[in-house]
């Protein structure tokens, strides 16, 4: 395996997590990075570090960062809040 390809595979999960943690809440997401040991409510573990709704629903999520969810958001587990 080329070194550049392997490096990209190693960096990709960290880049996704960094972007998710630093970004404002995004539009509806069908696939999100798995932050803890479980996926948020309504998401299925894909066993590749991601959680998915399998295309059935789209939710607007944001990471909790260990804090309580903002008003208008509810805790759905897995380190995420979902917009009500």
C-alpha atoms as a PDB file:
ATOM      1  CA  UNK A   1       0.000   0.000   0.000  1.00  0.00           C
ATOM      2  CA  UNK A   2       1.468   3.383  -0.936  1.00  0.00           C
ATOM      3  CA  UNK A   3       2.548   5.540   1.986  1.00  0.00           C
ATOM      4  CA  UNK A   4       0.337   8.468   0.921  1.00  0.00           C
ATOM      5  CA  UNK A   5      -2.770   6.250   0.847  1.00  0.00           C
ATOM      6  CA  UNK A   6      -2.005   4.802   4.292  1.00  0.00           C
ATOM      7  CA  UNK A   7      -1.405   8.287   5.709  1.00  0.00           C
ATOM      8  CA  UNK A   8      -4.727   9.453   4.310  1.00  0.00           C
ATOM      9  CA  UNK A   9      -6.492   6.503   5.976  1.00  0.00           C
ATOM     10  CA  UNK A  10      -4.888   7.358   9.316  1.00  0.00           C
ATOM     11  CA  UNK A  11      -5.681  11.081   9.154  1.00  0.00           C
ATOM     12  CA  UNK A  12      -9.238  10.870   7.793  1.00  0.00           C
ATOM     13  CA  UNK A  13     -11.021   9.917  11.083  1.00  0.00           C
ATOM     14  CA  UNK A  14      -9.231  12.657  13.006  1.00  0.00           C
ATOM     15  CA  UNK A  15     -10.034  15.256  10.357  1.00  0.00           C
ATOM     16  CA  UNK A  16     -13.715  14.324  10.386  1.00  0.00           C
ATOM     17  CA  UNK A  17     -13.871  14.446  14.192  1.00  0.00           C
ATOM     18  CA  UNK A  18     -12.069  17.793  14.310  1.00  0.00           C
ATOM     19  CA  UNK A  19     -14.377  19.327  11.737  1.00  0.00           C
ATOM     20  CA  UNK A  20     -17.442  18.007  13.510  1.00  0.00           C
ATOM     21  CA  UNK A  21     -16.290  19.218  16.914  1.00  0.00           C
ATOM     22  CA  UNK A  22     -15.344  22.690  15.729  1.00  0.00           C
ATOM     23  CA  UNK A  23     -18.194  23.332  13.310  1.00  0.00           C
ATOM     24  CA  UNK A  24     -21.562  24.829  14.021  1.00  0.00           C
ATOM     25  CA  UNK A  25     -24.525  22.463  13.823  1.00  0.00           C
ATOM     26  CA  UNK A  26     -24.822  21.196  10.273  1.00  0.00           C
ATOM     27  CA  UNK A  27     -27.737  20.365   8.087  1.00  0.00           C
ATOM     28  CA  UNK A  28     -29.375  16.980   8.466  1.00  0.00           C
ATOM     29  CA  UNK A  29     -26.842  14.172   8.678  1.00  0.00           C
ATOM     30  CA  UNK A  30     -27.380  10.557   7.702  1.00  0.00           C
ATOM     31  CA  UNK A  31     -23.865   9.471   8.720  1.00  0.00           C
ATOM     32  CA  UNK A  32     -21.958  10.829  11.722  1.00  0.00           C
ATOM     33  CA  UNK A  33     -18.642   9.853  13.337  1.00  0.00           C
ATOM     34  CA  UNK A  34     -19.021   7.564  16.346  1.00  0.00           C
ATOM     35  CA  UNK A  35     -17.814   9.651  19.313  1.00  0.00           C
ATOM     36  CA  UNK A  36     -18.221   7.197  22.205  1.00  0.00           C
ATOM     37  CA  UNK A  37     -18.967   3.523  22.494  1.00  0.00           C
ATOM     38  CA  UNK A  38     -22.566   3.827  21.271  1.00  0.00           C
ATOM     39  CA  UNK A  39     -24.348   5.538  18.394  1.00  0.00           C
ATOM     40  CA  UNK A  40     -26.962   8.274  18.870  1.00  0.00           C
ATOM     41  CA  UNK A  41     -30.642   7.280  19.073  1.00  0.00           C
ATOM     42  CA  UNK A  42     -31.929   6.405  15.599  1.00  0.00           C
ATOM     43  CA  UNK A  43     -28.459   5.559  14.225  1.00  0.00           C
ATOM     44  CA  UNK A  44     -26.936   2.138  13.534  1.00  0.00           C
ATOM     45  CA  UNK A  45     -23.275   1.276  14.165  1.00  0.00           C
ATOM     46  CA  UNK A  46     -21.516   0.628  10.842  1.00  0.00           C
ATOM     47  CA  UNK A  47     -18.470  -0.871  12.638  1.00  0.00           C
ATOM     48  CA  UNK A  48     -16.122   1.480  10.765  1.00  0.00           C
ATOM     49  CA  UNK A  49     -16.162   4.384  13.231  1.00  0.00           C
ATOM     50  CA  UNK A  50     -19.387   5.829  11.810  1.00  0.00           C
ATOM     51  CA  UNK A  51     -23.075   5.665  12.652  1.00  0.00           C
ATOM     52  CA  UNK A  52     -25.822   5.816  10.018  1.00  0.00           C
ATOM     53  CA  UNK A  53     -29.596   6.122   9.740  1.00  0.00           C
ATOM     54  CA  UNK A  54     -29.275   3.790   6.724  1.00  0.00           C
ATOM     55  CA  UNK A  55     -30.894   6.479   4.586  1.00  0.00           C
ATOM     56  CA  UNK A  56     -34.242   6.217   6.361  1.00  0.00           C
ATOM     57  CA  UNK A  57     -34.170   9.544   8.213  1.00  0.00           C
ATOM     58  CA  UNK A  58     -32.062  12.685   8.400  1.00  0.00           C
ATOM     59  CA  UNK A  59     -31.430  14.418  11.705  1.00  0.00           C
ATOM     60  CA  UNK A  60     -29.615  17.634  12.562  1.00  0.00           C
ATOM     61  CA  UNK A  61     -27.014  16.709  15.177  1.00  0.00           C
ATOM     62  CA  UNK A  62     -24.231  18.464  17.018  1.00  0.00           C
ATOM     63  CA  UNK A  63     -21.677  17.061  19.474  1.00  0.00           C
ATOM     64  CA  UNK A  64     -22.364  17.685  23.163  1.00  0.00           C
ATOM     65  CA  UNK A  65     -18.683  18.216  24.082  1.00  0.00           C
ATOM     66  CA  UNK A  66     -19.609  17.040  27.596  1.00  0.00           C
ATOM     67  CA  UNK A  67     -22.066  19.919  28.072  1.00  0.00           C
ATOM     68  CA  UNK A  68     -25.848  19.947  28.381  1.00  0.00           C
ATOM     69  CA  UNK A  69     -27.780  20.358  25.137  1.00  0.00           C
ATOM     70  CA  UNK A  70     -28.876  23.844  24.173  1.00  0.00           C
ATOM     71  CA  UNK A  71     -32.510  24.909  24.368  1.00  0.00           C
ATOM     72  CA  UNK A  72     -34.418  23.409  21.458  1.00  0.00           C
ATOM     73  CA  UNK A  73     -32.077  20.395  21.316  1.00  0.00           C
ATOM     74  CA  UNK A  74     -32.395  16.992  23.004  1.00  0.00           C
ATOM     75  CA  UNK A  75     -29.725  14.536  24.109  1.00  0.00           C
ATOM     76  CA  UNK A  76     -29.835  11.408  21.936  1.00  0.00           C
ATOM     77  CA  UNK A  77     -26.795   9.701  23.440  1.00  0.00           C
ATOM     78  CA  UNK A  78     -23.543   8.808  21.772  1.00  0.00           C
ATOM     79  CA  UNK A  79     -22.185  12.292  22.553  1.00  0.00           C
ATOM     80  CA  UNK A  80     -24.750  14.115  20.378  1.00  0.00           C
ATOM     81  CA  UNK A  81     -27.725  16.470  20.674  1.00  0.00           C
ATOM     82  CA  UNK A  82     -30.520  16.426  18.092  1.00  0.00           C
ATOM     83  CA  UNK A  83     -32.594  19.432  17.074  1.00  0.00           C
ATOM     84  CA  UNK A  84     -36.208  19.076  18.249  1.00  0.00           C
END
